[in-house]
Amino acid sequence: MPGDRIAVVVIVTGLWLTGCAALPGSAEPRGDLARMARATTIALEDARIGETRSWKNPHTGHRGTVMPLAAFRGPSGLPCRLYQQTLTAAARTHIAYGLACRRDGTWSAVDARKLAPRHRHGSPSEPPRGATTDPYPTGPA
């Protein structure tokens, strides 16, 4: 879906900037973001926890992986996934972590602080409404 691609590009741009900004000609090398975004969409949608999806750009030699680390339901009952991305460029591997939730068929980046239970006066609050008791179920959310 076109919306999936746009949201995932937002998620992966930060890692690409971290890994490639110091490279000569820091404009996005031919197709790196598109390949990373596609691998991220596939991993978020289809990969099991711990399964890696890889991408490689034959024009630049850059490559990377995306691996879901956890799947859970967010406070609004949305399926969410914590994931790890790697980017290897200029003989250096960079690692980043992301969190995305799926709403209306589109994976979007989420600020993890918005999913954390809030505390009042130093005492833990109840878990957010709709959150699961097991935050690390196996398999796709």
C-alpha atoms as a PDB file:
ATOM      1  CA  MET A   1       0.000   0.000   0.000  1.00  0.00           C
ATOM      2  CA  PRO A   2       1.341   3.508  -0.722  1.00  0.00           C
ATOM      3  CA  GLY A   3       0.634   4.650   2.846  1.00  0.00           C
ATOM      4  CA  ASP A   4       2.745   1.795   4.222  1.00  0.00           C
ATOM      5  CA  ARG A   5       5.730   2.934   2.216  1.00  0.00           C
ATOM      6  CA  ILE A   6       5.478   6.571   3.328  1.00  0.00           C
ATOM      7  CA  ALA A   7       5.176   5.741   7.028  1.00  0.00           C
ATOM      8  CA  VAL A   8       8.039   3.254   6.931  1.00  0.00           C
ATOM      9  CA  VAL A   9      10.307   5.735   5.150  1.00  0.00           C
ATOM     10  CA  VAL A  10       9.804   8.048   8.118  1.00  0.00           C
ATOM     11  CA  ILE A  11      10.793   5.223  10.461  1.00  0.00           C
ATOM     12  CA  VAL A  12      13.969   4.270   8.596  1.00  0.00           C
ATOM     13  CA  THR A  13      15.244   7.725   7.592  1.00  0.00           C
ATOM     14  CA  GLY A  14      16.862   8.298  10.982  1.00  0.00           C
ATOM     15  CA  LEU A  15      19.037   5.187  10.705  1.00  0.00           C
ATOM     16  CA  TRP A  16      19.997   6.015   7.139  1.00  0.00           C
ATOM     17  CA  LEU A  17      21.014   9.541   8.166  1.00  0.00           C
ATOM     18  CA  THR A  18      23.073   8.152  11.041  1.00  0.00           C
ATOM     19  CA  GLY A  19      24.867   5.673   8.822  1.00  0.00           C
ATOM     20  CA  CYS A  20      25.337   7.681   5.660  1.00  0.00           C
ATOM     21  CA  ALA A  21      25.558  11.341   6.631  1.00  0.00           C
ATOM     22  CA  ALA A  22      29.329  11.154   6.930  1.00  0.00           C
ATOM     23  CA  LEU A  23      29.755   9.520   3.532  1.00  0.00           C
ATOM     24  CA  PRO A  24      31.040  11.571   0.599  1.00  0.00           C
ATOM     25  CA  GLY A  25      28.083  13.122  -1.233  1.00  0.00           C
ATOM     26  CA  SER A  26      25.686  12.684   1.683  1.00  0.00           C
ATOM     27  CA  ALA A  27      22.590  12.705  -0.545  1.00  0.00           C
ATOM     28  CA  GLU A  28      20.744   9.397  -0.370  1.00  0.00           C
ATOM     29  CA  PRO A  29      22.628   6.844  -2.486  1.00  0.00           C
ATOM     30  CA  ARG A  30      20.551   5.368  -5.285  1.00  0.00           C
ATOM     31  CA  GLY A  31      17.727   3.440  -3.683  1.00  0.00           C
ATOM     32  CA  ASP A  32      19.050   2.844  -0.155  1.00  0.00           C
ATOM     33  CA  LEU A  33      16.002   4.320   1.570  1.00  0.00           C
ATOM     34  CA  ALA A  34      13.574   2.490  -0.702  1.00  0.00           C
ATOM     35  CA  ARG A  35      15.281  -0.858  -0.058  1.00  0.00           C
ATOM     36  CA  MET A  36      15.455  -0.232   3.692  1.00  0.00           C
ATOM     37  CA  ALA A  37      11.805   0.847   3.781  1.00  0.00           C
ATOM     38  CA  ARG A  38      10.665  -2.240   1.886  1.00  0.00           C
ATOM     39  CA  ALA A  39      12.609  -4.577   4.200  1.00  0.00           C
ATOM     40  CA  THR A  40      11.166  -2.781   7.227  1.00  0.00           C
ATOM     41  CA  THR A  41       7.599  -3.087   5.942  1.00  0.00           C
ATOM     42  CA  ILE A  42       8.076  -6.794   5.208  1.00  0.00           C
ATOM     43  CA  ALA A  43       9.655  -7.436   8.616  1.00  0.00           C
ATOM     44  CA  LEU A  44       6.956  -5.560  10.525  1.00  0.00           C
ATOM     45  CA  GLU A  45       4.172  -7.245   8.601  1.00  0.00           C
ATOM     46  CA  ASP A  46       5.389 -10.827   8.134  1.00  0.00           C
ATOM     47  CA  ALA A  47       8.505 -11.723  10.130  1.00  0.00           C
ATOM     48  CA  ARG A  48       8.298 -13.624  13.392  1.00  0.00           C
ATOM     49  CA  ILE A  49      10.079 -12.360  16.481  1.00  0.00           C
ATOM     50  CA  GLY A  50      13.825 -12.887  15.949  1.00  0.00           C
ATOM     51  CA  GLU A  51      13.571 -13.426  12.173  1.00  0.00           C
ATOM     52  CA  THR A  52      15.742 -11.128  10.072  1.00  0.00           C
ATOM     53  CA  ARG A  53      14.831  -9.516   6.771  1.00  0.00           C
ATOM     54  CA  SER A  54      17.792  -8.250   4.753  1.00  0.00           C
ATOM     55  CA  TRP A  55      18.308  -5.713   2.007  1.00  0.00           C
ATOM     56  CA  LYS A  56      21.278  -4.811  -0.172  1.00  0.00           C
ATOM     57  CA  ASN A  57      21.825  -2.065  -2.707  1.00  0.00           C
ATOM     58  CA  PRO A  58      23.971  -3.376  -5.583  1.00  0.00           C
ATOM     59  CA  HIS A  59      24.677   0.191  -6.758  1.00  0.00           C
ATOM     60  CA  THR A  60      26.276   1.299  -3.478  1.00  0.00           C
ATOM     61  CA  GLY A  61      27.197  -1.939  -1.694  1.00  0.00           C
ATOM     62  CA  HIS A  62      25.253  -0.722   1.363  1.00  0.00           C
ATOM     63  CA  ARG A  63      23.223  -3.362   3.139  1.00  0.00           C
ATOM     64  CA  GLY A  64      21.158  -3.846   6.241  1.00  0.00           C
ATOM     65  CA  THR A  65      18.767  -5.950   8.252  1.00  0.00           C
ATOM     66  CA  VAL A  66      15.482  -5.523  10.088  1.00  0.00           C
ATOM     67  CA  MET A  67      14.471  -7.860  12.916  1.00  0.00           C
ATOM     68  CA  PRO A  68      11.310  -7.673  15.049  1.00  0.00           C
ATOM     69  CA  LEU A  69      12.198  -8.018  18.736  1.00  0.00           C
ATOM     70  CA  ALA A  70       8.755  -7.909  20.353  1.00  0.00           C
ATOM     71  CA  ALA A  71       5.103  -7.762  19.393  1.00  0.00           C
ATOM     72  CA  PHE A  72       2.379  -6.440  21.651  1.00  0.00           C
ATOM     73  CA  ARG A  73      -0.888  -4.525  21.767  1.00  0.00           C
ATOM     74  CA  GLY A  74      -0.554  -0.831  22.536  1.00  0.00           C
ATOM     75  CA  PRO A  75      -2.827   1.171  24.834  1.00  0.00           C
ATOM     76  CA  SER A  76      -5.482   1.574  22.125  1.00  0.00           C
ATOM     77  CA  GLY A  77      -5.313  -2.107  21.214  1.00  0.00           C
ATOM     78  CA  LEU A  78      -3.203  -1.434  18.129  1.00  0.00           C
ATOM     79  CA  PRO A  79      -0.662  -4.087  17.108  1.00  0.00           C
ATOM     80  CA  CYS A  80       2.818  -2.733  17.810  1.00  0.00           C
ATOM     81  CA  ARG A  81       6.334  -4.025  17.208  1.00  0.00           C
ATOM     82  CA  LEU A  82       9.717  -3.184  18.624  1.00  0.00           C
ATOM     83  CA  TYR A  83      12.442  -3.827  16.037  1.00  0.00           C
ATOM     84  CA  GLN A  84      16.162  -3.540  15.369  1.00  0.00           C
ATOM     85  CA  GLN A  85      17.683  -2.221  12.151  1.00  0.00           C
ATOM     86  CA  THR A  86      21.259  -2.412  10.986  1.00  0.00           C
ATOM     87  CA  LEU A  87      22.894  -0.429   8.213  1.00  0.00           C
ATOM     88  CA  THR A  88      26.359  -1.262   6.886  1.00  0.00           C
ATOM     89  CA  ALA A  89      27.937   1.502   4.814  1.00  0.00           C
ATOM     90  CA  ALA A  90      31.572   2.527   4.323  1.00  0.00           C
ATOM     91  CA  ALA A  91      32.717  -0.572   6.269  1.00  0.00           C
ATOM     92  CA  ARG A  92      30.817   0.519   9.409  1.00  0.00           C
ATOM     93  CA  THR A  93      27.712  -1.108  10.833  1.00  0.00           C
ATOM     94  CA  HIS A  94      25.190   1.073  12.635  1.00  0.00           C
ATOM     95  CA  ILE A  95      22.416  -0.307  14.840  1.00  0.00           C
ATOM     96  CA  ALA A  96      19.159   1.436  15.690  1.00  0.00           C
ATOM     97  CA  TYR A  97      15.941   0.443  17.420  1.00  0.00           C
ATOM     98  CA  GLY A  98      12.432   1.504  16.516  1.00  0.00           C
ATOM     99  CA  LEU A  99       8.877   1.098  17.616  1.00  0.00           C
ATOM    100  CA  ALA A 100       5.954   1.073  15.190  1.00  0.00           C
ATOM    101  CA  CYS A 101       2.226   0.493  15.552  1.00  0.00           C
ATOM    102  CA  ARG A 102      -0.224  -0.421  12.811  1.00  0.00           C
ATOM    103  CA  ARG A 103      -3.329   1.721  12.328  1.00  0.00           C
ATOM    104  CA  ASP A 104      -5.648   1.378   9.335  1.00  0.00           C
ATOM    105  CA  GLY A 105      -3.175  -0.894   7.536  1.00  0.00           C
ATOM    106  CA  THR A 106      -0.199   1.464   7.897  1.00  0.00           C
ATOM    107  CA  TRP A 107       2.839   1.006  10.149  1.00  0.00           C
ATOM    108  CA  SER A 108       3.848   4.298  11.773  1.00  0.00           C
ATOM    109  CA  ALA A 109       6.678   5.257  14.099  1.00  0.00           C
ATOM    110  CA  VAL A 110       5.635   5.670  17.731  1.00  0.00           C
ATOM    111  CA  ASP A 111       7.329   7.488  20.584  1.00  0.00           C
ATOM    112  CA  ALA A 112       7.858   4.724  23.166  1.00  0.00           C
ATOM    113  CA  ARG A 113       7.238   7.190  25.993  1.00  0.00           C
ATOM    114  CA  LYS A 114       3.598   7.412  24.889  1.00  0.00           C
ATOM    115  CA  LEU A 115       3.145   3.681  25.503  1.00  0.00           C
ATOM    116  CA  ALA A 116       4.766   3.609  28.954  1.00  0.00           C
ATOM    117  CA  PRO A 117       2.498   3.532  32.004  1.00  0.00           C
ATOM    118  CA  ARG A 118       2.310   6.891  33.753  1.00  0.00           C
ATOM    119  CA  HIS A 119       3.263   7.301  37.395  1.00  0.00           C
ATOM    120  CA  ARG A 120       1.605   9.594  39.908  1.00  0.00           C
ATOM    121  CA  HIS A 121       3.331  10.826  43.023  1.00  0.00           C
ATOM    122  CA  GLY A 122       6.080   8.214  42.733  1.00  0.00           C
ATOM    123  CA  SER A 123       3.798   5.162  42.697  1.00  0.00           C
ATOM    124  CA  PRO A 124       3.193   3.000  39.632  1.00  0.00           C
ATOM    125  CA  SER A 125      -0.134   3.469  37.898  1.00  0.00           C
ATOM    126  CA  GLU A 126      -2.282   0.806  36.356  1.00  0.00           C
ATOM    127  CA  PRO A 127      -1.102  -0.462  32.941  1.00  0.00           C
ATOM    128  CA  PRO A 128      -2.531   1.525  30.035  1.00  0.00           C
ATOM    129  CA  ARG A 129      -6.047   0.434  29.087  1.00  0.00           C
ATOM    130  CA  GLY A 130      -5.862  -2.210  26.347  1.00  0.00           C
ATOM    131  CA  ALA A 131      -2.229  -3.187  27.055  1.00  0.00           C
ATOM    132  CA  THR A 132      -1.549  -6.909  27.276  1.00  0.00           C
ATOM    133  CA  THR A 133      -0.139  -8.443  30.427  1.00  0.00           C
ATOM    134  CA  ASP A 134       2.529 -10.235  28.388  1.00  0.00           C
ATOM    135  CA  PRO A 135       4.420  -7.524  26.465  1.00  0.00           C
ATOM    136  CA  TYR A 136       6.489 -10.070  24.502  1.00  0.00           C
ATOM    137  CA  PRO A 137       4.132 -12.558  22.833  1.00  0.00           C
ATOM    138  CA  THR A 138       5.585 -14.680  20.087  1.00  0.00           C
ATOM    139  CA  GLY A 139       4.585 -14.331  16.460  1.00  0.00           C
ATOM    140  CA  PRO A 140       3.114 -11.393  14.568  1.00  0.00           C
ATOM    141  CA  ALA A 141       0.850  -9.020  16.454  1.00  0.00           C
END
